[in-house]
N, C-alpha and C. Protein backbone atom coordinates (compact mmCIF):
# COMPACT_ATOMS: atom_id res chain seq x y z
N GLU A 1 -6.21 -53.65 24.29
CA GLU A 1 -5.67 -52.63 23.34
C GLU A 1 -6.08 -52.13 22.36
N THR A 2 -6.09 -51.18 21.65
CA THR A 2 -6.96 -50.66 20.58
C THR A 2 -6.18 -49.97 19.67
N LEU A 3 -6.47 -50.26 18.28
CA LEU A 3 -5.63 -49.69 17.38
C LEU A 3 -6.40 -49.12 16.39
N LEU A 4 -5.82 -47.65 16.05
CA LEU A 4 -6.53 -46.93 15.25
C LEU A 4 -6.07 -46.47 13.69
N ASN A 5 -5.91 -47.03 12.50
CA ASN A 5 -4.94 -47.07 11.55
C ASN A 5 -5.57 -46.09 10.51
N VAL A 6 -4.64 -45.14 9.79
CA VAL A 6 -5.01 -44.63 8.80
C VAL A 6 -4.14 -44.41 7.80
N GLU A 7 -4.34 -45.02 6.47
CA GLU A 7 -3.54 -45.27 5.34
C GLU A 7 -4.23 -44.89 3.96
N ALA A 8 -2.96 -44.37 3.62
CA ALA A 8 -3.43 -43.74 2.19
C ALA A 8 -2.14 -44.00 1.38
N GLY A 9 -2.29 -44.49 -0.10
CA GLY A 9 -1.52 -44.91 -0.80
C GLY A 9 -1.61 -45.05 -2.44
N PHE A 10 -0.76 -45.14 -3.36
CA PHE A 10 -1.22 -45.91 -4.61
C PHE A 10 -0.73 -47.01 -5.58
N LYS A 11 -1.18 -47.21 -6.16
CA LYS A 11 -0.38 -48.48 -7.11
C LYS A 11 -0.25 -47.76 -8.44
N ALA A 12 0.69 -48.10 -9.22
CA ALA A 12 1.10 -47.74 -10.79
C ALA A 12 1.68 -48.75 -11.73
N LEU A 13 1.23 -48.64 -12.79
CA LEU A 13 2.29 -49.45 -14.06
C LEU A 13 2.42 -48.37 -15.14
N TRP A 14 4.00 -48.14 -15.26
CA TRP A 14 3.98 -47.51 -16.41
C TRP A 14 4.74 -48.30 -17.27
N LEU A 15 5.26 -47.92 -18.68
CA LEU A 15 5.67 -48.35 -20.08
C LEU A 15 5.18 -49.88 -20.06
N ASP A 16 3.73 -49.67 -20.43
CA ASP A 16 3.07 -50.94 -21.15
C ASP A 16 3.25 -52.14 -19.84
N GLY A 17 3.63 -51.39 -18.32
CA GLY A 17 3.38 -52.67 -17.51
C GLY A 17 4.69 -53.45 -17.13
N ARG A 18 5.92 -52.77 -17.68
CA ARG A 18 7.36 -53.16 -17.48
C ARG A 18 8.01 -52.24 -16.17
N LEU A 19 7.17 -51.03 -15.57
CA LEU A 19 7.79 -50.59 -14.70
C LEU A 19 6.44 -50.52 -13.82
N ALA A 20 6.40 -50.95 -12.33
CA ALA A 20 5.42 -51.04 -11.26
C ALA A 20 5.86 -50.43 -10.05
N ALA A 21 5.31 -49.57 -9.68
CA ALA A 21 5.43 -48.87 -8.21
C ALA A 21 4.23 -48.81 -7.44
N ASP A 22 4.45 -48.99 -5.97
CA ASP A 22 3.47 -48.59 -5.13
C ASP A 22 4.16 -48.14 -4.07
N ALA A 23 3.33 -47.29 -3.23
CA ALA A 23 3.79 -46.62 -1.95
C ALA A 23 2.12 -46.56 -1.07
N ALA A 24 2.66 -46.19 0.37
CA ALA A 24 1.47 -46.21 1.27
C ALA A 24 2.57 -45.44 2.44
N LEU A 25 1.34 -44.16 2.57
CA LEU A 25 1.64 -43.56 4.11
C LEU A 25 0.47 -43.88 5.33
N PHE A 26 0.99 -44.14 6.48
CA PHE A 26 0.16 -44.87 7.53
C PHE A 26 0.53 -43.97 8.52
N TRP A 27 -0.59 -43.68 9.62
CA TRP A 27 -0.51 -43.28 10.76
C TRP A 27 -1.49 -44.24 11.86
N MET A 28 -0.60 -44.47 12.66
CA MET A 28 -1.28 -45.37 13.85
C MET A 28 -1.39 -45.20 14.99
N ASP A 29 -2.47 -45.15 16.01
CA ASP A 29 -2.63 -44.54 17.36
C ASP A 29 -2.74 -45.68 18.34
N ARG A 30 -2.23 -46.15 19.04
CA ARG A 30 -2.22 -47.27 20.07
C ARG A 30 -2.96 -47.06 21.28
N ASP A 31 -4.19 -47.06 21.64
CA ASP A 31 -4.27 -46.91 22.87
C ASP A 31 -4.63 -48.08 23.90
N ASP A 32 -4.25 -47.92 24.88
CA ASP A 32 -3.95 -48.86 26.05
C ASP A 32 -3.15 -50.08 25.49
N MET A 33 -1.90 -49.43 24.94
CA MET A 33 -1.02 -50.40 24.52
C MET A 33 -0.20 -51.55 25.32
N GLN A 34 -0.28 -52.76 24.81
CA GLN A 34 0.15 -54.02 25.90
C GLN A 34 1.71 -53.86 25.62
N LEU A 35 2.66 -53.65 26.90
CA LEU A 35 3.97 -53.64 26.95
C LEU A 35 4.37 -54.69 27.83
N ARG A 36 5.07 -55.21 27.49
CA ARG A 36 5.54 -56.60 28.19
C ARG A 36 6.96 -56.47 28.50
N SER A 37 7.56 -56.31 30.10
CA SER A 37 8.78 -56.30 30.07
C SER A 37 9.11 -56.97 31.50
N SER A 38 10.26 -57.13 31.92
CA SER A 38 10.87 -57.86 32.96
C SER A 38 11.63 -56.79 33.59
N ALA A 39 11.85 -57.37 34.97
CA ALA A 39 12.61 -56.66 36.09
C ALA A 39 13.39 -57.22 36.90
N GLN A 40 14.21 -56.36 37.83
CA GLN A 40 14.80 -57.74 38.89
C GLN A 40 14.75 -56.43 39.94
N PHE A 41 13.95 -56.47 40.72
CA PHE A 41 13.51 -55.68 42.11
C PHE A 41 14.54 -56.22 43.44
N THR A 42 14.93 -57.28 43.36
CA THR A 42 15.46 -57.56 44.57
C THR A 42 16.72 -57.79 44.16
N ALA A 43 17.59 -57.95 44.99
CA ALA A 43 19.06 -58.80 45.31
C ALA A 43 19.22 -60.14 44.80
N ASN A 44 18.21 -61.11 44.88
CA ASN A 44 18.44 -62.48 44.09
C ASN A 44 18.24 -62.33 42.81
N PRO A 45 19.49 -62.80 42.38
CA PRO A 45 19.73 -62.84 40.69
C PRO A 45 18.43 -64.02 40.43
N ASN A 46 17.87 -64.69 40.74
CA ASN A 46 16.86 -65.27 40.13
C ASN A 46 15.11 -65.17 40.38
N ASP A 47 15.56 -63.66 40.94
CA ASP A 47 14.07 -63.12 41.07
C ASP A 47 13.82 -62.31 39.69
N PHE A 48 12.77 -62.57 38.81
CA PHE A 48 12.23 -62.03 37.55
C PHE A 48 10.70 -61.72 38.19
N VAL A 49 10.59 -60.24 37.57
CA VAL A 49 9.23 -60.28 37.41
C VAL A 49 8.53 -59.81 36.17
N PHE A 50 7.74 -60.53 35.30
CA PHE A 50 7.40 -60.43 34.03
C PHE A 50 6.09 -59.53 34.31
N ILE A 51 5.68 -58.29 33.72
CA ILE A 51 4.88 -57.09 33.60
C ILE A 51 4.45 -57.35 32.45
N THR A 52 3.01 -57.39 32.32
CA THR A 52 2.36 -56.48 30.69
C THR A 52 1.69 -55.37 31.44
N SER A 53 1.43 -54.73 31.02
CA SER A 53 0.92 -53.10 31.43
C SER A 53 0.53 -52.45 30.12
N ASN A 54 -0.19 -51.34 30.54
CA ASN A 54 -1.00 -50.34 29.68
C ASN A 54 -0.16 -49.08 29.54
N ALA A 55 0.34 -48.60 28.14
CA ALA A 55 0.92 -47.61 27.71
C ALA A 55 0.25 -47.12 26.55
N GLU A 56 0.81 -46.11 26.01
CA GLU A 56 -0.28 -45.48 24.87
C GLU A 56 1.21 -45.07 23.79
N GLY A 57 0.92 -45.08 22.76
CA GLY A 57 1.81 -44.66 21.69
C GLY A 57 1.30 -44.60 19.97
N HIS A 58 2.00 -44.07 19.12
CA HIS A 58 1.59 -43.65 18.24
C HIS A 58 2.91 -43.89 16.72
N ALA A 59 2.86 -43.97 15.80
CA ALA A 59 3.74 -44.47 14.95
C ALA A 59 3.43 -43.63 13.49
N THR A 60 3.91 -43.23 12.70
CA THR A 60 4.09 -42.80 11.52
C THR A 60 4.87 -43.43 10.48
N GLY A 61 4.82 -43.61 9.16
CA GLY A 61 5.62 -44.51 8.24
C GLY A 61 5.22 -44.39 6.92
N LEU A 62 6.18 -44.72 6.12
CA LEU A 62 5.93 -45.06 4.82
C LEU A 62 6.50 -46.24 4.04
N GLU A 63 5.92 -46.70 3.63
CA GLU A 63 5.96 -48.13 2.69
C GLU A 63 6.20 -47.99 1.15
N ALA A 64 6.91 -48.71 0.21
CA ALA A 64 7.11 -48.28 -0.65
C ALA A 64 7.80 -49.52 -1.62
N SER A 65 7.55 -49.84 -2.84
CA SER A 65 8.61 -50.93 -3.79
C SER A 65 8.17 -50.31 -5.04
N VAL A 66 9.26 -50.82 -5.90
CA VAL A 66 9.24 -50.68 -7.45
C VAL A 66 10.05 -51.70 -8.04
N SER A 67 9.63 -52.24 -9.45
CA SER A 67 10.16 -53.06 -9.93
C SER A 67 9.89 -52.90 -11.62
N TRP A 68 11.06 -53.07 -12.08
CA TRP A 68 11.54 -52.66 -13.45
C TRP A 68 11.78 -53.50 -14.39
N GLN A 69 11.40 -54.15 -15.26
CA GLN A 69 11.74 -54.96 -16.57
C GLN A 69 12.34 -54.20 -17.18
N LEU A 70 13.74 -53.99 -17.26
CA LEU A 70 14.70 -53.45 -18.03
C LEU A 70 14.63 -53.92 -19.39
N THR A 71 14.68 -55.47 -19.29
CA THR A 71 15.20 -55.91 -21.12
C THR A 71 13.83 -57.27 -21.04
N ASP A 72 13.82 -57.68 -21.74
CA ASP A 72 12.92 -59.61 -21.51
C ASP A 72 13.70 -60.48 -20.70
N ASP A 73 15.23 -60.20 -20.29
CA ASP A 73 15.90 -60.66 -19.47
C ASP A 73 16.11 -60.30 -17.81
N TRP A 74 15.88 -59.19 -17.86
CA TRP A 74 16.85 -58.57 -16.52
C TRP A 74 15.43 -57.73 -15.99
N ARG A 75 15.85 -57.81 -15.00
CA ARG A 75 14.60 -57.21 -13.78
C ARG A 75 15.33 -56.72 -12.88
N VAL A 76 15.21 -55.25 -12.44
CA VAL A 76 15.28 -54.83 -11.15
C VAL A 76 14.53 -54.56 -9.83
N HIS A 77 14.64 -54.58 -8.68
CA HIS A 77 13.16 -54.30 -7.98
C HIS A 77 14.14 -53.61 -6.54
N GLY A 78 13.20 -53.25 -5.77
CA GLY A 78 13.65 -52.73 -4.55
C GLY A 78 12.32 -52.47 -3.50
N SER A 79 12.47 -51.87 -2.34
CA SER A 79 11.91 -51.66 -1.55
C SER A 79 12.21 -50.34 -0.23
N LEU A 80 11.27 -49.69 0.30
CA LEU A 80 12.10 -48.81 1.22
C LEU A 80 10.77 -48.76 2.54
N GLY A 81 11.25 -48.78 3.73
CA GLY A 81 10.57 -48.45 4.85
C GLY A 81 10.77 -47.74 5.75
N LEU A 82 10.04 -46.63 6.14
CA LEU A 82 10.40 -45.84 7.18
C LEU A 82 9.47 -45.93 8.12
N LEU A 83 9.91 -45.57 9.31
CA LEU A 83 8.78 -45.70 10.52
C LEU A 83 9.45 -44.59 11.78
N ASP A 84 8.39 -43.89 12.47
CA ASP A 84 8.94 -42.79 13.33
C ASP A 84 7.76 -43.37 14.52
N SER A 85 8.09 -43.94 15.71
CA SER A 85 7.17 -44.57 16.46
C SER A 85 7.82 -43.92 17.84
N GLU A 86 6.90 -43.81 18.46
CA GLU A 86 7.03 -43.20 19.91
C GLU A 86 5.97 -43.66 21.00
N VAL A 87 6.58 -44.09 22.40
CA VAL A 87 5.70 -44.27 23.49
C VAL A 87 5.62 -42.96 24.02
N ASP A 88 3.87 -42.63 24.15
CA ASP A 88 3.46 -41.50 24.65
C ASP A 88 3.06 -41.18 26.06
N ALA A 89 2.90 -42.31 26.49
CA ALA A 89 2.58 -42.62 28.22
C ALA A 89 2.75 -43.95 28.51
N TYR A 90 3.54 -44.25 29.78
CA TYR A 90 3.78 -45.32 30.65
C TYR A 90 3.80 -45.07 31.90
N GLY A 91 3.02 -45.92 32.50
CA GLY A 91 2.77 -45.58 34.27
C GLY A 91 3.65 -46.29 35.04
N LEU A 92 4.75 -47.04 34.83
CA LEU A 92 5.45 -48.15 35.93
C LEU A 92 6.95 -47.69 36.11
N ASP A 93 7.53 -47.82 36.98
CA ASP A 93 8.81 -47.35 37.21
C ASP A 93 9.57 -48.46 36.49
N ARG A 94 11.01 -48.28 36.09
CA ARG A 94 12.06 -49.25 35.62
C ARG A 94 12.90 -49.34 36.86
N GLU A 95 13.81 -50.16 36.52
CA GLU A 95 15.07 -50.71 37.71
C GLU A 95 15.71 -49.34 37.76
N GLN A 96 16.30 -49.41 39.08
CA GLN A 96 17.01 -48.07 39.25
C GLN A 96 18.36 -47.82 38.74
N ASP A 97 18.91 -48.70 38.50
CA ASP A 97 20.21 -48.55 37.57
C ASP A 97 19.82 -48.51 36.29
N ILE A 98 18.92 -48.27 35.35
CA ILE A 98 18.29 -47.81 34.01
C ILE A 98 18.08 -46.13 34.10
N GLU A 99 19.04 -45.64 33.54
CA GLU A 99 18.47 -44.07 33.44
C GLU A 99 17.59 -43.95 32.15
N GLY A 100 16.68 -42.60 32.37
CA GLY A 100 15.69 -42.68 31.40
C GLY A 100 14.50 -43.09 31.20
N GLY A 101 13.80 -42.92 30.60
CA GLY A 101 12.31 -43.51 30.41
C GLY A 101 11.61 -44.10 29.50
N ILE A 102 10.98 -44.39 29.72
CA ILE A 102 10.08 -45.24 28.22
C ILE A 102 9.51 -44.32 27.21
N VAL A 103 9.00 -43.07 27.94
CA VAL A 103 8.07 -41.98 27.24
C VAL A 103 9.25 -41.63 26.37
N GLY A 104 8.57 -41.41 25.16
CA GLY A 104 9.22 -40.61 24.18
C GLY A 104 10.35 -41.67 23.48
N ARG A 105 10.28 -42.64 23.66
CA ARG A 105 11.27 -43.65 23.08
C ARG A 105 10.65 -44.26 21.99
N ASP A 106 11.45 -44.86 21.14
CA ASP A 106 10.74 -46.02 19.76
C ASP A 106 10.36 -47.05 20.68
N PHE A 107 9.38 -47.41 19.86
CA PHE A 107 8.77 -48.95 20.04
C PHE A 107 10.25 -50.01 20.16
N ALA A 108 9.89 -50.74 20.82
CA ALA A 108 10.85 -52.23 20.77
C ALA A 108 10.62 -52.84 19.43
N HIS A 109 11.67 -53.35 18.99
CA HIS A 109 12.18 -53.91 17.47
C HIS A 109 11.21 -53.09 16.35
N ALA A 110 11.26 -51.65 16.59
CA ALA A 110 10.84 -51.18 15.12
C ALA A 110 12.24 -50.04 14.47
N PRO A 111 13.03 -50.85 13.84
CA PRO A 111 13.86 -50.05 13.07
C PRO A 111 13.25 -49.01 12.63
N SER A 112 13.92 -47.59 12.56
CA SER A 112 13.36 -46.26 11.74
C SER A 112 13.55 -46.34 10.01
N TRP A 113 14.17 -47.36 9.66
CA TRP A 113 14.17 -47.72 8.11
C TRP A 113 14.78 -49.05 7.86
N THR A 114 14.06 -49.63 6.94
CA THR A 114 14.36 -51.14 6.33
C THR A 114 14.61 -51.15 4.94
N ALA A 115 15.27 -51.54 3.79
CA ALA A 115 15.73 -51.13 2.85
C ALA A 115 15.70 -52.57 1.75
N SER A 116 15.84 -52.74 0.45
CA SER A 116 16.04 -53.94 -0.44
C SER A 116 16.26 -53.58 -1.60
N ALA A 117 17.38 -54.14 -2.17
CA ALA A 117 17.45 -54.25 -3.94
C ALA A 117 17.81 -55.44 -4.45
N GLY A 118 17.59 -55.63 -5.49
CA GLY A 118 17.85 -56.80 -5.91
C GLY A 118 18.08 -56.64 -7.57
N ILE A 119 18.33 -57.64 -8.12
CA ILE A 119 18.14 -58.01 -9.64
C ILE A 119 18.09 -59.44 -10.00
N THR A 120 17.24 -59.36 -11.27
CA THR A 120 16.80 -60.92 -11.68
C THR A 120 17.13 -61.00 -13.03
N TYR A 121 17.98 -62.19 -13.32
CA TYR A 121 17.69 -62.85 -14.69
C TYR A 121 17.44 -63.81 -15.38
N LEU A 122 16.37 -63.75 -16.00
CA LEU A 122 15.54 -65.12 -16.23
C LEU A 122 15.74 -64.97 -18.32
N ASP A 123 16.08 -65.73 -18.41
CA ASP A 123 16.20 -66.24 -20.08
C ASP A 123 15.18 -66.92 -20.55
N ALA A 124 14.85 -67.17 -22.36
CA ALA A 124 13.92 -67.86 -22.74
C ALA A 124 14.18 -69.63 -22.67
N THR A 125 15.52 -69.78 -22.18
CA THR A 125 15.92 -71.19 -22.21
C THR A 125 15.77 -71.56 -20.89
N GLY A 126 15.44 -70.85 -19.67
CA GLY A 126 15.39 -71.11 -18.46
C GLY A 126 16.38 -70.91 -17.53
N TRP A 127 17.36 -70.23 -17.70
CA TRP A 127 18.51 -70.11 -16.76
C TRP A 127 18.18 -68.88 -15.94
N PHE A 128 18.50 -69.07 -14.69
CA PHE A 128 17.98 -67.52 -14.14
C PHE A 128 19.07 -67.64 -12.86
N GLY A 129 19.23 -65.95 -12.26
CA GLY A 129 19.89 -65.85 -11.27
C GLY A 129 19.16 -64.21 -10.30
N ARG A 130 19.32 -64.61 -9.45
CA ARG A 130 18.62 -63.50 -8.46
C ARG A 130 19.97 -63.23 -7.54
N LEU A 131 20.06 -61.70 -7.13
CA LEU A 131 20.98 -61.08 -5.99
C LEU A 131 20.01 -60.10 -5.62
N ASP A 132 19.93 -60.50 -3.93
CA ASP A 132 19.11 -59.26 -3.13
C ASP A 132 19.70 -59.04 -2.22
N LEU A 133 19.79 -57.81 -1.79
CA LEU A 133 20.38 -57.10 -0.74
C LEU A 133 19.50 -56.29 0.33
N ASN A 134 19.67 -56.94 1.37
CA ASN A 134 19.18 -56.64 2.70
C ASN A 134 19.37 -55.70 3.71
N ALA A 135 18.79 -54.75 4.24
CA ALA A 135 19.53 -53.82 5.26
C ALA A 135 18.42 -53.13 6.12
N ALA A 136 19.02 -52.73 7.18
CA ALA A 136 17.75 -52.20 8.53
C ALA A 136 18.89 -51.27 9.02
N ASP A 137 17.92 -50.31 9.81
CA ASP A 137 18.70 -49.82 10.77
C ASP A 137 18.76 -50.24 12.06
N ASP A 138 19.35 -49.89 13.25
CA ASP A 138 19.22 -50.48 14.34
C ASP A 138 18.04 -50.37 15.47
N PHE A 139 17.65 -50.73 16.33
CA PHE A 139 16.48 -50.91 16.98
C PHE A 139 16.87 -51.24 18.54
N TYR A 140 15.68 -50.89 19.20
CA TYR A 140 15.88 -51.37 20.84
C TYR A 140 15.54 -52.50 20.80
N PHE A 141 16.18 -53.04 21.97
CA PHE A 141 15.62 -54.75 21.84
C PHE A 141 14.34 -54.92 23.03
N ASP A 142 14.26 -54.16 23.57
CA ASP A 142 12.95 -54.45 24.71
C ASP A 142 12.43 -53.20 25.22
N TYR A 143 11.52 -53.33 25.96
CA TYR A 143 11.03 -51.91 26.93
C TYR A 143 11.77 -52.06 28.44
N SER A 144 12.06 -52.69 29.11
CA SER A 144 12.59 -53.10 30.26
C SER A 144 14.13 -52.78 30.32
N HIS A 145 14.84 -52.26 28.99
CA HIS A 145 16.24 -51.67 29.30
C HIS A 145 15.78 -51.17 27.65
N ASP A 146 17.37 -50.42 27.75
CA ASP A 146 17.66 -49.58 26.47
C ASP A 146 18.59 -50.18 25.24
N GLU A 147 18.92 -51.21 25.81
CA GLU A 147 20.23 -51.69 24.66
C GLU A 147 19.64 -51.73 23.24
N ARG A 148 20.41 -51.46 22.31
CA ARG A 148 20.10 -51.71 21.19
C ARG A 148 20.72 -52.73 19.89
N GLY A 149 20.16 -53.31 19.56
CA GLY A 149 20.70 -53.99 18.24
C GLY A 149 21.54 -53.18 17.09
N GLY A 150 22.79 -53.72 16.51
CA GLY A 150 23.00 -52.98 15.47
C GLY A 150 22.61 -53.18 14.30
N GLY A 151 22.47 -52.02 13.38
CA GLY A 151 21.91 -52.88 12.06
C GLY A 151 22.51 -53.35 11.19
N ARG A 152 21.86 -53.88 10.14
CA ARG A 152 22.51 -55.45 9.51
C ARG A 152 22.39 -55.13 8.02
N THR A 153 23.34 -55.77 7.11
CA THR A 153 23.23 -55.87 5.83
C THR A 153 23.48 -57.20 5.13
N THR A 154 22.43 -57.81 4.59
CA THR A 154 22.70 -59.16 4.19
C THR A 154 22.35 -59.35 2.68
N VAL A 155 22.77 -60.06 2.04
CA VAL A 155 22.97 -60.80 0.39
C VAL A 155 22.56 -62.27 0.45
N ASN A 156 21.48 -62.43 -0.58
CA ASN A 156 20.86 -63.93 -0.95
C ASN A 156 21.51 -63.58 -2.37
N LEU A 157 21.49 -65.05 -2.99
CA LEU A 157 22.07 -65.21 -4.15
C LEU A 157 21.31 -66.94 -4.43
N ARG A 158 20.65 -66.66 -5.61
CA ARG A 158 20.25 -67.69 -6.20
C ARG A 158 20.56 -67.96 -7.88
N LEU A 159 21.22 -69.40 -8.09
CA LEU A 159 21.33 -69.54 -9.62
C LEU A 159 20.79 -70.80 -10.06
N GLY A 160 20.47 -70.90 -11.25
CA GLY A 160 19.76 -72.11 -11.63
C GLY A 160 19.25 -72.31 -12.90
N ARG A 161 18.18 -73.31 -13.41
CA ARG A 161 17.91 -73.19 -14.48
C ARG A 161 16.17 -74.07 -13.80
N GLU A 162 15.19 -73.42 -15.10
CA GLU A 162 13.89 -73.97 -14.86
C GLU A 162 13.75 -74.79 -16.24
N TRP A 163 12.93 -75.67 -16.15
CA TRP A 163 11.92 -76.25 -17.72
C TRP A 163 10.71 -76.22 -17.23
N ALA A 164 10.14 -77.01 -18.17
CA ALA A 164 8.50 -76.95 -18.22
C ALA A 164 7.79 -77.32 -16.78
N HIS A 165 8.58 -78.31 -16.40
CA HIS A 165 8.13 -78.78 -14.69
C HIS A 165 9.03 -78.85 -13.66
N TRP A 166 10.49 -79.01 -14.03
CA TRP A 166 11.61 -79.03 -13.08
C TRP A 166 12.42 -77.71 -13.01
N ALA A 167 12.84 -77.66 -11.95
CA ALA A 167 13.25 -76.36 -11.77
C ALA A 167 15.12 -76.88 -10.64
N VAL A 168 16.07 -76.75 -10.97
CA VAL A 168 17.00 -76.86 -10.01
C VAL A 168 18.14 -75.76 -9.84
N TYR A 169 18.45 -75.19 -8.66
CA TYR A 169 19.24 -74.12 -8.22
C TYR A 169 20.10 -74.24 -7.01
N SER A 170 20.88 -73.44 -7.30
CA SER A 170 21.76 -73.63 -5.73
C SER A 170 21.21 -72.11 -5.21
N TRP A 171 21.78 -71.89 -3.96
CA TRP A 171 21.37 -70.74 -3.04
C TRP A 171 22.28 -70.66 -1.98
N ALA A 172 22.21 -69.41 -1.76
CA ALA A 172 23.12 -69.01 -0.28
C ALA A 172 22.33 -67.99 -0.03
N ARG A 173 22.11 -67.87 1.31
CA ARG A 173 21.24 -66.71 2.36
C ARG A 173 22.71 -66.40 3.44
N ASN A 174 22.42 -65.18 3.25
CA ASN A 174 23.31 -64.45 4.00
C ASN A 174 24.81 -64.68 3.52
N LEU A 175 24.99 -64.37 2.07
CA LEU A 175 26.38 -64.85 1.49
C LEU A 175 27.58 -64.64 2.16
N PHE A 176 27.72 -63.45 2.65
CA PHE A 176 29.07 -62.96 3.50
C PHE A 176 29.07 -63.12 4.82
N ASP A 177 28.11 -64.17 5.68
CA ASP A 177 28.27 -64.40 6.52
C ASP A 177 27.94 -63.15 7.97
N GLU A 178 27.40 -62.41 7.28
CA GLU A 178 26.90 -60.77 8.18
C GLU A 178 26.62 -61.46 9.64
N GLU A 179 27.27 -60.84 10.92
CA GLU A 179 26.69 -61.13 12.24
C GLU A 179 26.18 -60.22 12.39
N TYR A 180 24.81 -60.35 12.74
CA TYR A 180 23.65 -59.28 13.52
C TYR A 180 22.91 -60.00 14.42
N ASN A 181 22.17 -59.00 15.36
CA ASN A 181 21.42 -59.33 16.47
C ASN A 181 20.11 -59.44 16.41
N THR A 182 19.43 -60.39 16.44
CA THR A 182 18.08 -60.28 16.59
C THR A 182 17.14 -59.72 18.04
N ARG A 183 18.03 -60.54 18.78
CA ARG A 183 17.02 -60.35 20.05
C ARG A 183 18.49 -59.97 21.17
N GLY A 184 18.08 -59.32 21.97
CA GLY A 184 18.86 -58.61 23.36
C GLY A 184 18.11 -58.99 24.71
N PHE A 185 18.80 -59.31 25.32
CA PHE A 185 18.46 -58.98 26.96
C PHE A 185 19.38 -58.72 28.10
N SER A 186 19.30 -57.63 29.01
CA SER A 186 19.92 -57.11 30.13
C SER A 186 19.45 -57.62 31.21
N PHE A 187 20.21 -58.22 32.07
CA PHE A 187 20.01 -58.73 33.54
C PHE A 187 21.14 -59.08 34.20
N GLY A 188 21.22 -58.95 35.44
CA GLY A 188 22.21 -59.82 36.37
C GLY A 188 22.34 -61.25 36.48
N LEU A 189 23.11 -61.61 36.25
CA LEU A 189 23.07 -63.16 35.97
C LEU A 189 24.72 -64.01 36.56
N GLU A 190 25.61 -63.51 36.30
CA GLU A 190 26.73 -64.28 36.26
C GLU A 190 27.22 -63.58 37.85
N PRO A 191 27.61 -64.70 38.52
CA PRO A 191 28.44 -64.52 39.84
C PRO A 191 29.78 -63.78 39.65
N PRO A 192 30.43 -63.40 40.65
CA PRO A 192 30.08 -63.37 42.17
C PRO A 192 29.08 -61.98 42.46
N TRP A 193 29.05 -61.16 41.26
CA TRP A 193 28.46 -59.66 41.56
C TRP A 193 27.35 -59.65 41.05
N PHE A 194 26.94 -60.28 39.95
CA PHE A 194 25.64 -60.16 39.37
C PHE A 194 25.44 -59.26 38.71
N GLU A 195 26.51 -58.42 37.73
CA GLU A 195 26.33 -57.18 37.52
C GLU A 195 25.58 -57.14 36.28
N ARG A 196 24.70 -55.87 35.54
CA ARG A 196 23.73 -55.88 34.93
C ARG A 196 24.88 -56.42 33.49
N THR A 197 24.27 -57.47 32.76
CA THR A 197 25.00 -57.68 31.46
C THR A 197 24.09 -58.06 30.24
N THR A 198 24.77 -57.36 28.91
CA THR A 198 23.68 -57.52 27.71
C THR A 198 23.88 -58.93 27.22
N TYR A 199 23.02 -59.59 26.84
CA TYR A 199 23.01 -61.06 26.37
C TYR A 199 22.27 -60.94 25.01
N THR A 200 22.92 -61.32 23.73
CA THR A 200 22.22 -61.08 22.45
C THR A 200 22.16 -62.51 21.55
N ARG A 201 20.98 -62.53 21.08
CA ARG A 201 20.74 -63.62 20.08
C ARG A 201 20.61 -63.26 18.74
N LEU A 202 21.85 -64.08 17.98
CA LEU A 202 22.73 -63.90 16.56
C LEU A 202 21.38 -64.42 15.59
N GLY A 203 21.07 -63.76 14.32
CA GLY A 203 20.41 -63.85 13.42
C GLY A 203 21.44 -65.07 12.63
N GLU A 204 20.64 -65.62 11.59
CA GLU A 204 21.10 -66.63 10.75
C GLU A 204 22.34 -66.65 10.34
N PRO A 205 23.12 -67.35 10.19
CA PRO A 205 24.61 -67.30 9.47
C PRO A 205 24.39 -67.86 8.01
N ARG A 206 25.63 -67.95 7.40
CA ARG A 206 25.48 -68.14 6.08
C ARG A 206 24.91 -69.26 5.64
N HIS A 207 23.98 -69.66 5.30
CA HIS A 207 23.20 -70.79 4.92
C HIS A 207 23.58 -71.40 3.31
N TYR A 208 23.53 -72.48 2.73
CA TYR A 208 23.75 -72.64 1.32
C TYR A 208 23.12 -74.11 1.10
N GLY A 209 22.77 -74.16 -0.12
CA GLY A 209 22.52 -75.68 -0.65
C GLY A 209 21.94 -75.74 -2.24
N ILE A 210 21.54 -77.11 -2.62
CA ILE A 210 20.53 -77.10 -3.75
C ILE A 210 19.02 -77.86 -3.66
N THR A 211 18.49 -77.21 -4.52
CA THR A 211 17.01 -77.37 -4.45
C THR A 211 16.49 -78.14 -6.36
N ALA A 212 15.85 -78.83 -5.70
CA ALA A 212 15.36 -79.36 -6.99
C ALA A 212 13.91 -79.56 -6.53
N SER A 213 12.88 -79.00 -7.77
CA SER A 213 11.64 -79.01 -7.63
C SER A 213 11.03 -79.57 -8.75
N TYR A 214 9.18 -80.08 -8.47
CA TYR A 214 9.04 -80.73 -9.80
C TYR A 214 7.28 -80.03 -9.56
N ARG A 215 6.97 -79.54 -10.50
CA ARG A 215 5.61 -79.03 -10.55
C ARG A 215 4.91 -79.97 -11.99
N TYR A 216 3.35 -79.87 -10.95
CA TYR A 216 2.62 -80.85 -11.81
C TYR A 216 1.35 -80.35 -11.87
């Protein structure tokens, strides 16, 4: 596989450095793109064929981020990613019960947009807090089928205090215990009819804890 990537962007500081932003536009052309897929071409549910084949594809996109120090204690930040990807050529046949082809379809695991936004508080005495919101569009799980994972929106939170060498904080990831998919598979596995079924792998559920660290 060969990849030709063209990118142009900028980075800037305003308001005496309190406002920072950057953005990049890119275009990529993938030649002999390696696509790995699986298939069941026989009536035996234990028969799987795993294939890595050549394809062609291209993508265009935008990546941008901004950070603004509103006051001495408060800072807001965010990012945005936009992606338009497409498979241009693919030479293999898919399983008979899968309608449509790969040509003209998005890449697998390539959501059309991702975004984040957050706010951070840190005062002169060391007390701090940070709240982050992360979101993404849905996406195709694989090239061997056309099942899609839903979008996701998760919230992370961290609260604590810093000293010269010590820091203690409590944290929570996926604060509201959002259920979302990270992988998906589609094949016949369950007797007696071994009908095609979609199986998904879920993302990390809510995690929380307390962390103490020492810098020297």
